[in-house]
């Protein structure tokens, strides 16, 4: 379990620069396997499931977590697969809250 799961997402009001370089590398190292960093803009992970119902159930758990944390990923649901894309929309880049949400989604499996 990542230590990020003990933290809470902090709402972003904008006006702060997105994380870059070494700060992103450090946070990526704290995530579980499978997360990808795309151009210092967002993180993404594919989750595989036995069927559509299991993928949908996971999607609903992610949705409930997102509401609780006040931080919402982009979710793509398809048969047996869910792809999460996470970034902070207000700053059009990554913040620590993105990594907190990513770590907590891994716990939902």
PDB file of N, CA and C in Angstrom:
ATOM      1  N   UNK A   1       0.846  -1.184   0.000  1.00  0.00           N
ATOM      2  CA  UNK A   1       0.000   0.000   0.000  1.00  0.00           C
ATOM      3  C   UNK A   1       0.883   1.235   0.000  1.00  0.00           C
ATOM      4  N   UNK A   2       0.540   2.180  -0.838  1.00  0.00           N
ATOM      5  CA  UNK A   2       1.293   3.419  -0.932  1.00  0.00           C
ATOM      6  C   UNK A   2       0.974   4.330   0.241  1.00  0.00           C
ATOM      7  N   UNK A   3       1.978   5.064   0.710  1.00  0.00           N
ATOM      8  CA  UNK A   3       1.746   6.028   1.777  1.00  0.00           C
ATOM      9  C   UNK A   3       0.834   7.161   1.311  1.00  0.00           C
ATOM     10  N   UNK A   4       0.658   7.316   0.011  1.00  0.00           N
ATOM     11  CA  UNK A   4      -0.233   8.345  -0.515  1.00  0.00           C
ATOM     12  C   UNK A   4      -1.680   8.102  -0.112  1.00  0.00           C
ATOM     13  N   UNK A   5      -2.029   6.860   0.192  1.00  0.00           N
ATOM     14  CA  UNK A   5      -3.415   6.536   0.538  1.00  0.00           C
ATOM     15  C   UNK A   5      -3.819   7.098   1.892  1.00  0.00           C
ATOM     16  N   UNK A   6      -2.863   7.525   2.686  1.00  0.00           N
ATOM     17  CA  UNK A   6      -3.189   8.101   3.995  1.00  0.00           C
ATOM     18  C   UNK A   6      -3.477   9.597   3.898  1.00  0.00           C
ATOM     19  N   UNK A   7      -3.259  10.178   2.729  1.00  0.00           N
ATOM     20  CA  UNK A   7      -3.476  11.608   2.520  1.00  0.00           C
ATOM     21  C   UNK A   7      -4.848  11.846   1.889  1.00  0.00           C
ATOM     22  N   UNK A   8      -5.279  13.084   1.881  1.00  0.00           N
ATOM     23  CA  UNK A   8      -6.539  13.458   1.239  1.00  0.00           C
ATOM     24  C   UNK A   8      -6.261  14.445   0.124  1.00  0.00           C
ATOM     25  N   UNK A   9      -7.071  14.382  -0.913  1.00  0.00           N
ATOM     26  CA  UNK A   9      -6.956  15.331  -2.014  1.00  0.00           C
ATOM     27  C   UNK A   9      -7.299  16.732  -1.509  1.00  0.00           C
ATOM     28  N   UNK A  10      -6.557  17.699  -1.991  1.00  0.00           N
ATOM     29  CA  UNK A  10      -6.787  19.089  -1.627  1.00  0.00           C
ATOM     30  C   UNK A  10      -7.350  19.791  -2.857  1.00  0.00           C
ATOM     31  N   UNK A  11      -8.518  20.416  -2.725  1.00  0.00           N
ATOM     32  CA  UNK A  11      -9.102  21.088  -3.886  1.00  0.00           C
ATOM     33  C   UNK A  11      -8.155  22.147  -4.444  1.00  0.00           C
ATOM     34  N   UNK A  12      -8.037  22.170  -5.755  1.00  0.00           N
ATOM     35  CA  UNK A  12      -7.169  23.137  -6.421  1.00  0.00           C
ATOM     36  C   UNK A  12      -8.004  24.324  -6.882  1.00  0.00           C
ATOM     37  N   UNK A  13      -7.567  25.487  -6.517  1.00  0.00           N
ATOM     38  CA  UNK A  13      -8.274  26.700  -6.920  1.00  0.00           C
ATOM     39  C   UNK A  13      -7.618  27.350  -8.130  1.00  0.00           C
ATOM     40  N   UNK A  14      -6.595  26.699  -8.672  1.00  0.00           N
ATOM     41  CA  UNK A  14      -5.876  27.268  -9.803  1.00  0.00           C
ATOM     42  C   UNK A  14      -4.808  28.238  -9.332  1.00  0.00           C
ATOM     43  N   UNK A  15      -4.108  28.831 -10.275  1.00  0.00           N
ATOM     44  CA  UNK A  15      -3.098  29.817  -9.927  1.00  0.00           C
ATOM     45  C   UNK A  15      -1.786  29.247  -9.438  1.00  0.00           C
ATOM     46  N   UNK A  16      -1.660  27.916  -9.430  1.00  0.00           N
ATOM     47  CA  UNK A  16      -0.395  27.291  -9.044  1.00  0.00           C
ATOM     48  C   UNK A  16       0.125  26.521 -10.256  1.00  0.00           C
ATOM     49  N   UNK A  17       1.434  26.455 -10.414  1.00  0.00           N
ATOM     50  CA  UNK A  17       1.959  25.731 -11.569  1.00  0.00           C
ATOM     51  C   UNK A  17       1.834  24.224 -11.383  1.00  0.00           C
ATOM     52  N   UNK A  18       1.643  23.496 -12.482  1.00  0.00           N
ATOM     53  CA  UNK A  18       1.628  22.037 -12.389  1.00  0.00           C
ATOM     54  C   UNK A  18       3.024  21.510 -12.031  1.00  0.00           C
ATOM     55  N   UNK A  19       3.048  20.333 -11.438  1.00  0.00           N
ATOM     56  CA  UNK A  19       4.314  19.688 -11.096  1.00  0.00           C
ATOM     57  C   UNK A  19       5.055  19.278 -12.364  1.00  0.00           C
ATOM     58  N   UNK A  20       6.382  19.308 -12.312  1.00  0.00           N
ATOM     59  CA  UNK A  20       7.212  18.892 -13.435  1.00  0.00           C
ATOM     60  C   UNK A  20       8.457  18.178 -12.923  1.00  0.00           C
ATOM     61  N   UNK A  21       9.193  17.578 -13.841  1.00  0.00           N
ATOM     62  CA  UNK A  21      10.515  17.011 -13.583  1.00  0.00           C
ATOM     63  C   UNK A  21      10.626  16.083 -12.395  1.00  0.00           C
ATOM     64  N   UNK A  22      11.616  16.354 -11.513  1.00  0.00           N
ATOM     65  CA  UNK A  22      11.892  15.457 -10.388  1.00  0.00           C
ATOM     66  C   UNK A  22      10.707  15.263  -9.441  1.00  0.00           C
ATOM     67  N   UNK A  23       9.891  16.278  -9.275  1.00  0.00           N
ATOM     68  CA  UNK A  23       8.725  16.138  -8.397  1.00  0.00           C
ATOM     69  C   UNK A  23       7.786  15.055  -8.925  1.00  0.00           C
ATOM     70  N   UNK A  24       7.617  15.005 -10.239  1.00  0.00           N
ATOM     71  CA  UNK A  24       6.769  13.962 -10.836  1.00  0.00           C
ATOM     72  C   UNK A  24       7.403  12.588 -10.706  1.00  0.00           C
ATOM     73  N   UNK A  25       8.709  12.507 -10.922  1.00  0.00           N
ATOM     74  CA  UNK A  25       9.409  11.216 -10.801  1.00  0.00           C
ATOM     75  C   UNK A  25       9.280  10.661  -9.392  1.00  0.00           C
ATOM     76  N   UNK A  26       9.412  11.518  -8.411  1.00  0.00           N
ATOM     77  CA  UNK A  26       9.292  11.093  -7.013  1.00  0.00           C
ATOM     78  C   UNK A  26       7.899  10.568  -6.718  1.00  0.00           C
ATOM     79  N   UNK A  27       6.870  11.262  -7.184  1.00  0.00           N
ATOM     80  CA  UNK A  27       5.498  10.810  -6.944  1.00  0.00           C
ATOM     81  C   UNK A  27       5.171   9.550  -7.735  1.00  0.00           C
ATOM     82  N   UNK A  28       5.660   9.434  -8.957  1.00  0.00           N
ATOM     83  CA  UNK A  28       5.427   8.220  -9.744  1.00  0.00           C
ATOM     84  C   UNK A  28       5.997   6.996  -9.036  1.00  0.00           C
ATOM     85  N   UNK A  29       7.145   7.152  -8.396  1.00  0.00           N
ATOM     86  CA  UNK A  29       7.788   6.037  -7.692  1.00  0.00           C
ATOM     87  C   UNK A  29       6.963   5.577  -6.498  1.00  0.00           C
ATOM     88  N   UNK A  30       6.058   6.414  -6.019  1.00  0.00           N
ATOM     89  CA  UNK A  30       5.233   6.079  -4.862  1.00  0.00           C
ATOM     90  C   UNK A  30       3.931   5.382  -5.259  1.00  0.00           C
ATOM     91  N   UNK A  31       3.662   5.285  -6.564  1.00  0.00           N
ATOM     92  CA  UNK A  31       2.456   4.605  -7.041  1.00  0.00           C
ATOM     93  C   UNK A  31       2.720   3.125  -7.274  1.00  0.00           C
ATOM     94  N   UNK A  32       1.655   2.360  -7.304  1.00  0.00           N
ATOM     95  CA  UNK A  32       1.763   0.946  -7.625  1.00  0.00           C
ATOM     96  C   UNK A  32       2.073   0.755  -9.100  1.00  0.00           C
ATOM     97  N   UNK A  33       2.251  -0.483  -9.515  1.00  0.00           N
ATOM     98  CA  UNK A  33       2.604  -0.774 -10.912  1.00  0.00           C
ATOM     99  C   UNK A  33       1.462  -0.418 -11.872  1.00  0.00           C
ATOM    100  N   UNK A  34       1.861  -0.129 -13.104  1.00  0.00           N
ATOM    101  CA  UNK A  34       0.892   0.075 -14.170  1.00  0.00           C
ATOM    102  C   UNK A  34       0.559   1.518 -14.493  1.00  0.00           C
ATOM    103  N   UNK A  35       0.914   2.437 -13.627  1.00  0.00           N
ATOM    104  CA  UNK A  35       0.624   3.845 -13.903  1.00  0.00           C
ATOM    105  C   UNK A  35       1.654   4.378 -14.884  1.00  0.00           C
ATOM    106  N   UNK A  36       1.158   5.182 -15.849  1.00  0.00           N
ATOM    107  CA  UNK A  36       2.013   5.792 -16.860  1.00  0.00           C
ATOM    108  C   UNK A  36       1.916   7.315 -16.766  1.00  0.00           C
ATOM    109  N   UNK A  37       3.044   7.963 -16.942  1.00  0.00           N
ATOM    110  CA  UNK A  37       3.091   9.419 -16.992  1.00  0.00           C
ATOM    111  C   UNK A  37       3.098   9.825 -18.453  1.00  0.00           C
ATOM    112  N   UNK A  38       2.154  10.646 -18.844  1.00  0.00           N
ATOM    113  CA  UNK A  38       2.053  11.058 -20.245  1.00  0.00           C
ATOM    114  C   UNK A  38       2.398  12.538 -20.373  1.00  0.00           C
ATOM    115  N   UNK A  39       3.606  12.802 -20.845  1.00  0.00           N
ATOM    116  CA  UNK A  39       4.029  14.148 -21.168  1.00  0.00           C
ATOM    117  C   UNK A  39       3.973  15.158 -20.040  1.00  0.00           C
ATOM    118  N   UNK A  40       4.132  14.727 -18.823  1.00  0.00           N
ATOM    119  CA  UNK A  40       4.051  15.600 -17.644  1.00  0.00           C
ATOM    120  C   UNK A  40       2.694  16.292 -17.541  1.00  0.00           C
ATOM    121  N   UNK A  41       1.690  15.754 -18.243  1.00  0.00           N
ATOM    122  CA  UNK A  41       0.362  16.360 -18.220  1.00  0.00           C
ATOM    123  C   UNK A  41      -0.643  15.543 -17.410  1.00  0.00           C
ATOM    124  N   UNK A  42      -0.594  14.212 -17.552  1.00  0.00           N
ATOM    125  CA  UNK A  42      -1.536  13.370 -16.828  1.00  0.00           C
ATOM    126  C   UNK A  42      -0.929  11.991 -16.564  1.00  0.00           C
ATOM    127  N   UNK A  43      -1.567  11.284 -15.646  1.00  0.00           N
ATOM    128  CA  UNK A  43      -1.198   9.893 -15.391  1.00  0.00           C
ATOM    129  C   UNK A  43      -2.374   9.038 -15.821  1.00  0.00           C
ATOM    130  N   UNK A  44      -2.057   7.807 -16.206  1.00  0.00           N
ATOM    131  CA  UNK A  44      -3.080   6.941 -16.772  1.00  0.00           C
ATOM    132  C   UNK A  44      -2.780   5.489 -16.403  1.00  0.00           C
ATOM    133  N   UNK A  45      -3.863   4.724 -16.265  1.00  0.00           N
ATOM    134  CA  UNK A  45      -3.704   3.294 -15.995  1.00  0.00           C
ATOM    135  C   UNK A  45      -4.901   2.546 -16.556  1.00  0.00           C
ATOM    136  N   UNK A  46      -4.621   1.354 -17.106  1.00  0.00           N
ATOM    137  CA  UNK A  46      -5.659   0.444 -17.574  1.00  0.00           C
ATOM    138  C   UNK A  46      -5.884  -0.628 -16.510  1.00  0.00           C
ATOM    139  N   UNK A  47      -7.138  -0.899 -16.231  1.00  0.00           N
ATOM    140  CA  UNK A  47      -7.516  -1.947 -15.288  1.00  0.00           C
ATOM    141  C   UNK A  47      -8.296  -3.000 -16.058  1.00  0.00           C
ATOM    142  N   UNK A  48      -7.909  -4.266 -15.933  1.00  0.00           N
ATOM    143  CA  UNK A  48      -8.571  -5.356 -16.653  1.00  0.00           C
ATOM    144  C   UNK A  48      -9.516  -6.111 -15.713  1.00  0.00           C
ATOM    145  N   UNK A  49     -10.673  -6.530 -16.266  1.00  0.00           N
ATOM    146  CA  UNK A  49     -11.688  -7.247 -15.501  1.00  0.00           C
ATOM    147  C   UNK A  49     -12.220  -8.422 -16.319  1.00  0.00           C
ATOM    148  N   UNK A  50     -12.901  -9.329 -15.640  1.00  0.00           N
ATOM    149  CA  UNK A  50     -13.431 -10.530 -16.293  1.00  0.00           C
ATOM    150  C   UNK A  50     -14.527 -10.224 -17.295  1.00  0.00           C
ATOM    151  N   UNK A  51     -15.305  -9.179 -17.018  1.00  0.00           N
ATOM    152  CA  UNK A  51     -16.452  -8.884 -17.878  1.00  0.00           C
ATOM    153  C   UNK A  51     -16.890  -7.438 -17.689  1.00  0.00           C
ATOM    154  N   UNK A  52     -17.946  -7.070 -18.377  1.00  0.00           N
ATOM    155  CA  UNK A  52     -18.441  -5.699 -18.308  1.00  0.00           C
ATOM    156  C   UNK A  52     -18.954  -5.357 -16.911  1.00  0.00           C
ATOM    157  N   UNK A  53     -19.669  -6.292 -16.274  1.00  0.00           N
ATOM    158  CA  UNK A  53     -20.229  -6.017 -14.946  1.00  0.00           C
ATOM    159  C   UNK A  53     -19.148  -5.706 -13.919  1.00  0.00           C
ATOM    160  N   UNK A  54     -18.053  -6.454 -13.934  1.00  0.00           N
ATOM    161  CA  UNK A  54     -16.966  -6.181 -12.988  1.00  0.00           C
ATOM    162  C   UNK A  54     -16.324  -4.824 -13.277  1.00  0.00           C
ATOM    163  N   UNK A  55     -16.161  -4.497 -14.554  1.00  0.00           N
ATOM    164  CA  UNK A  55     -15.599  -3.194 -14.927  1.00  0.00           C
ATOM    165  C   UNK A  55     -16.526  -2.068 -14.494  1.00  0.00           C
ATOM    166  N   UNK A  56     -17.822  -2.259 -14.663  1.00  0.00           N
ATOM    167  CA  UNK A  56     -18.796  -1.252 -14.266  1.00  0.00           C
ATOM    168  C   UNK A  56     -18.805  -1.068 -12.746  1.00  0.00           C
ATOM    169  N   UNK A  57     -18.730  -2.163 -12.006  1.00  0.00           N
ATOM    170  CA  UNK A  57     -18.702  -2.080 -10.546  1.00  0.00           C
ATOM    171  C   UNK A  57     -17.479  -1.285 -10.076  1.00  0.00           C
ATOM    172  N   UNK A  58     -16.325  -1.541 -10.696  1.00  0.00           N
ATOM    173  CA  UNK A  58     -15.117  -0.779 -10.360  1.00  0.00           C
ATOM    174  C   UNK A  58     -15.309   0.703 -10.693  1.00  0.00           C
ATOM    175  N   UNK A  59     -15.885   0.977 -11.850  1.00  0.00           N
ATOM    176  CA  UNK A  59     -16.149   2.357 -12.250  1.00  0.00           C
ATOM    177  C   UNK A  59     -17.006   3.070 -11.208  1.00  0.00           C
ATOM    178  N   UNK A  60     -18.014   2.391 -10.705  1.00  0.00           N
ATOM    179  CA  UNK A  60     -18.880   2.988  -9.682  1.00  0.00           C
ATOM    180  C   UNK A  60     -18.131   3.229  -8.379  1.00  0.00           C
ATOM    181  N   UNK A  61     -17.221   2.320  -8.019  1.00  0.00           N
ATOM    182  CA  UNK A  61     -16.407   2.534  -6.811  1.00  0.00           C
ATOM    183  C   UNK A  61     -15.473   3.728  -6.998  1.00  0.00           C
ATOM    184  N   UNK A  62     -14.901   3.855  -8.191  1.00  0.00           N
ATOM    185  CA  UNK A  62     -14.044   5.008  -8.486  1.00  0.00           C
ATOM    186  C   UNK A  62     -14.863   6.296  -8.396  1.00  0.00           C
ATOM    187  N   UNK A  63     -16.072   6.271  -8.932  1.00  0.00           N
ATOM    188  CA  UNK A  63     -16.942   7.445  -8.871  1.00  0.00           C
ATOM    189  C   UNK A  63     -17.250   7.857  -7.442  1.00  0.00           C
ATOM    190  N   UNK A  64     -17.537   6.896  -6.586  1.00  0.00           N
ATOM    191  CA  UNK A  64     -17.816   7.202  -5.176  1.00  0.00           C
ATOM    192  C   UNK A  64     -16.572   7.778  -4.497  1.00  0.00           C
ATOM    193  N   UNK A  65     -15.405   7.203  -4.784  1.00  0.00           N
ATOM    194  CA  UNK A  65     -14.158   7.725  -4.226  1.00  0.00           C
ATOM    195  C   UNK A  65     -13.909   9.151  -4.717  1.00  0.00           C
ATOM    196  N   UNK A  66     -14.127   9.398  -5.993  1.00  0.00           N
ATOM    197  CA  UNK A  66     -13.912  10.731  -6.559  1.00  0.00           C
ATOM    198  C   UNK A  66     -14.800  11.764  -5.870  1.00  0.00           C
ATOM    199  N   UNK A  67     -16.034  11.412  -5.619  1.00  0.00           N
ATOM    200  CA  UNK A  67     -16.935  12.326  -4.919  1.00  0.00           C
ATOM    201  C   UNK A  67     -16.453  12.585  -3.497  1.00  0.00           C
ATOM    202  N   UNK A  68     -16.024  11.536  -2.817  1.00  0.00           N
ATOM    203  CA  UNK A  68     -15.538  11.681  -1.446  1.00  0.00           C
ATOM    204  C   UNK A  68     -14.306  12.580  -1.394  1.00  0.00           C
ATOM    205  N   UNK A  69     -13.390  12.402  -2.352  1.00  0.00           N
ATOM    206  CA  UNK A  69     -12.144  13.163  -2.370  1.00  0.00           C
ATOM    207  C   UNK A  69     -12.304  14.542  -3.014  1.00  0.00           C
ATOM    208  N   UNK A  70     -13.397  14.744  -3.738  1.00  0.00           N
ATOM    209  CA  UNK A  70     -13.583  16.012  -4.440  1.00  0.00           C
ATOM    210  C   UNK A  70     -12.597  16.201  -5.580  1.00  0.00           C
ATOM    211  N   UNK A  71     -12.180  15.079  -6.163  1.00  0.00           N
ATOM    212  CA  UNK A  71     -11.192  15.102  -7.244  1.00  0.00           C
ATOM    213  C   UNK A  71     -11.600  14.024  -8.243  1.00  0.00           C
ATOM    214  N   UNK A  72     -11.836  14.398  -9.499  1.00  0.00           N
ATOM    215  CA  UNK A  72     -12.514  13.514 -10.435  1.00  0.00           C
ATOM    216  C   UNK A  72     -11.655  13.157 -11.642  1.00  0.00           C
ATOM    217  N   UNK A  73     -11.429  11.859 -11.857  1.00  0.00           N
ATOM    218  CA  UNK A  73     -10.652  11.410 -13.023  1.00  0.00           C
ATOM    219  C   UNK A  73     -11.535  11.346 -14.267  1.00  0.00           C
ATOM    220  N   UNK A  74     -10.906  11.259 -15.404  1.00  0.00           N
ATOM    221  CA  UNK A  74     -11.607  10.906 -16.632  1.00  0.00           C
ATOM    222  C   UNK A  74     -11.642   9.376 -16.662  1.00  0.00           C
ATOM    223  N   UNK A  75     -12.809   8.824 -16.889  1.00  0.00           N
ATOM    224  CA  UNK A  75     -13.007   7.371 -16.842  1.00  0.00           C
ATOM    225  C   UNK A  75     -13.505   6.880 -18.193  1.00  0.00           C
ATOM    226  N   UNK A  76     -12.807   5.886 -18.736  1.00  0.00           N
ATOM    227  CA  UNK A  76     -13.261   5.241 -19.964  1.00  0.00           C
ATOM    228  C   UNK A  76     -13.590   3.786 -19.628  1.00  0.00           C
ATOM    229  N   UNK A  77     -14.851   3.434 -19.784  1.00  0.00           N
ATOM    230  CA  UNK A  77     -15.344   2.094 -19.473  1.00  0.00           C
ATOM    231  C   UNK A  77     -15.630   1.349 -20.765  1.00  0.00           C
ATOM    232  N   UNK A  78     -15.121   0.139 -20.860  1.00  0.00           N
ATOM    233  CA  UNK A  78     -15.444  -0.736 -21.987  1.00  0.00           C
ATOM    234  C   UNK A  78     -15.543  -2.163 -21.460  1.00  0.00           C
ATOM    235  N   UNK A  79     -15.855  -3.105 -22.341  1.00  0.00           N
ATOM    236  CA  UNK A  79     -16.029  -4.479 -21.893  1.00  0.00           C
ATOM    237  C   UNK A  79     -14.721  -4.985 -21.284  1.00  0.00           C
ATOM    238  N   UNK A  80     -14.761  -5.301 -19.987  1.00  0.00           N
ATOM    239  CA  UNK A  80     -13.620  -5.889 -19.297  1.00  0.00           C
ATOM    240  C   UNK A  80     -12.446  -4.945 -19.067  1.00  0.00           C
ATOM    241  N   UNK A  81     -12.654  -3.658 -19.258  1.00  0.00           N
ATOM    242  CA  UNK A  81     -11.529  -2.727 -19.123  1.00  0.00           C
ATOM    243  C   UNK A  81     -12.016  -1.348 -18.675  1.00  0.00           C
ATOM    244  N   UNK A  82     -11.239  -0.754 -17.765  1.00  0.00           N
ATOM    245  CA  UNK A  82     -11.452   0.632 -17.355  1.00  0.00           C
ATOM    246  C   UNK A  82     -10.113   1.342 -17.469  1.00  0.00           C
ATOM    247  N   UNK A  83     -10.113   2.484 -18.128  1.00  0.00           N
ATOM    248  CA  UNK A  83      -8.920   3.311 -18.201  1.00  0.00           C
ATOM    249  C   UNK A  83      -9.187   4.594 -17.434  1.00  0.00           C
ATOM    250  N   UNK A  84      -8.307   4.897 -16.482  1.00  0.00           N
ATOM    251  CA  UNK A  84      -8.396   6.145 -15.735  1.00  0.00           C
ATOM    252  C   UNK A  84      -7.323   7.105 -16.227  1.00  0.00           C
ATOM    253  N   UNK A  85      -7.720   8.320 -16.485  1.00  0.00           N
ATOM    254  CA  UNK A  85      -6.808   9.401 -16.820  1.00  0.00           C
ATOM    255  C   UNK A  85      -7.008  10.465 -15.746  1.00  0.00           C
ATOM    256  N   UNK A  86      -5.911  10.801 -15.073  1.00  0.00           N
ATOM    257  CA  UNK A  86      -6.013  11.715 -13.934  1.00  0.00           C
ATOM    258  C   UNK A  86      -5.084  12.904 -14.134  1.00  0.00           C
ATOM    259  N   UNK A  87      -5.649  14.094 -13.980  1.00  0.00           N
ATOM    260  CA  UNK A  87      -4.879  15.337 -13.927  1.00  0.00           C
ATOM    261  C   UNK A  87      -5.766  16.394 -13.286  1.00  0.00           C
ATOM    262  N   UNK A  88      -5.171  17.500 -12.914  1.00  0.00           N
ATOM    263  CA  UNK A  88      -5.918  18.580 -12.286  1.00  0.00           C
ATOM    264  C   UNK A  88      -6.353  19.556 -13.374  1.00  0.00           C
ATOM    265  N   UNK A  89      -7.629  19.555 -13.656  1.00  0.00           N
ATOM    266  CA  UNK A  89      -8.165  20.351 -14.747  1.00  0.00           C
ATOM    267  C   UNK A  89      -7.902  21.847 -14.564  1.00  0.00           C
ATOM    268  N   UNK A  90      -7.996  22.347 -13.337  1.00  0.00           N
ATOM    269  CA  UNK A  90      -7.819  23.791 -13.073  1.00  0.00           C
ATOM    270  C   UNK A  90      -6.443  24.307 -13.480  1.00  0.00           C
ATOM    271  N   UNK A  91      -5.434  23.441 -13.413  1.00  0.00           N
ATOM    272  CA  UNK A  91      -4.078  23.880 -13.772  1.00  0.00           C
ATOM    273  C   UNK A  91      -3.592  23.202 -15.054  1.00  0.00           C
ATOM    274  N   UNK A  92      -4.456  22.380 -15.655  1.00  0.00           N
ATOM    275  CA  UNK A  92      -4.125  21.665 -16.891  1.00  0.00           C
ATOM    276  C   UNK A  92      -2.799  20.914 -16.769  1.00  0.00           C
ATOM    277  N   UNK A  93      -2.639  20.235 -15.652  1.00  0.00           N
ATOM    278  CA  UNK A  93      -1.427  19.461 -15.394  1.00  0.00           C
ATOM    279  C   UNK A  93      -1.596  18.668 -14.113  1.00  0.00           C
ATOM    280  N   UNK A  94      -0.488  18.259 -13.559  1.00  0.00           N
ATOM    281  CA  UNK A  94      -0.506  17.362 -12.404  1.00  0.00           C
ATOM    282  C   UNK A  94      -0.227  18.075 -11.086  1.00  0.00           C
ATOM    283  N   UNK A  95      -0.946  17.625 -10.049  1.00  0.00           N
ATOM    284  CA  UNK A  95      -0.735  18.071  -8.676  1.00  0.00           C
ATOM    285  C   UNK A  95      -0.610  16.825  -7.796  1.00  0.00           C
ATOM    286  N   UNK A  96      -0.217  17.020  -6.565  1.00  0.00           N
ATOM    287  CA  UNK A  96      -0.091  15.882  -5.646  1.00  0.00           C
ATOM    288  C   UNK A  96      -1.421  15.144  -5.498  1.00  0.00           C
ATOM    289  N   UNK A  97      -2.526  15.859  -5.533  1.00  0.00           N
ATOM    290  CA  UNK A  97      -3.842  15.218  -5.386  1.00  0.00           C
ATOM    291  C   UNK A  97      -4.097  14.163  -6.457  1.00  0.00           C
ATOM    292  N   UNK A  98      -3.538  14.353  -7.648  1.00  0.00           N
ATOM    293  CA  UNK A  98      -3.698  13.356  -8.705  1.00  0.00           C
ATOM    294  C   UNK A  98      -3.075  12.024  -8.302  1.00  0.00           C
ATOM    295  N   UNK A  99      -1.950  12.087  -7.659  1.00  0.00           N
ATOM    296  CA  UNK A  99      -1.249  10.873  -7.230  1.00  0.00           C
ATOM    297  C   UNK A  99      -1.943  10.236  -6.025  1.00  0.00           C
ATOM    298  N   UNK A 100      -2.505  11.052  -5.169  1.00  0.00           N
ATOM    299  CA  UNK A 100      -3.282  10.533  -4.034  1.00  0.00           C
ATOM    300  C   UNK A 100      -4.485   9.750  -4.560  1.00  0.00           C
ATOM    301  N   UNK A 101      -5.216  10.353  -5.506  1.00  0.00           N
ATOM    302  CA  UNK A 101      -6.375   9.668  -6.079  1.00  0.00           C
ATOM    303  C   UNK A 101      -5.962   8.378  -6.792  1.00  0.00           C
ATOM    304  N   UNK A 102      -4.858   8.412  -7.519  1.00  0.00           N
ATOM    305  CA  UNK A 102      -4.378   7.210  -8.211  1.00  0.00           C
ATOM    306  C   UNK A 102      -4.090   6.085  -7.213  1.00  0.00           C
ATOM    307  N   UNK A 103      -3.386   6.405  -6.154  1.00  0.00           N
ATOM    308  CA  UNK A 103      -3.046   5.387  -5.141  1.00  0.00           C
ATOM    309  C   UNK A 103      -4.319   4.815  -4.511  1.00  0.00           C
ATOM    310  N   UNK A 104      -5.289   5.674  -4.263  1.00  0.00           N
ATOM    311  CA  UNK A 104      -6.518   5.200  -3.638  1.00  0.00           C
ATOM    312  C   UNK A 104      -7.359   4.353  -4.586  1.00  0.00           C
ATOM    313  N   UNK A 105      -7.279   4.623  -5.893  1.00  0.00           N
ATOM    314  CA  UNK A 105      -8.028   3.767  -6.825  1.00  0.00           C
ATOM    315  C   UNK A 105      -7.459   2.363  -6.862  1.00  0.00           C
ATOM    316  N   UNK A 106      -6.135   2.243  -6.707  1.00  0.00           N
ATOM    317  CA  UNK A 106      -5.534   0.908  -6.667  1.00  0.00           C
ATOM    318  C   UNK A 106      -6.094   0.086  -5.497  1.00  0.00           C
ATOM    319  N   UNK A 107      -6.442   0.754  -4.413  1.00  0.00           N
ATOM    320  CA  UNK A 107      -6.993   0.052  -3.243  1.00  0.00           C
ATOM    321  C   UNK A 107      -8.385  -0.495  -3.501  1.00  0.00           C
ATOM    322  N   UNK A 108      -9.064   0.009  -4.509  1.00  0.00           N
ATOM    323  CA  UNK A 108     -10.447  -0.398  -4.771  1.00  0.00           C
ATOM    324  C   UNK A 108     -10.553  -1.770  -5.432  1.00  0.00           C
ATOM    325  N   UNK A 109      -9.439  -2.303  -5.885  1.00  0.00           N
ATOM    326  CA  UNK A 109      -9.479  -3.603  -6.581  1.00  0.00           C
ATOM    327  C   UNK A 109      -9.759  -4.738  -5.619  1.00  0.00           C
TER     328      UNK A 109
END
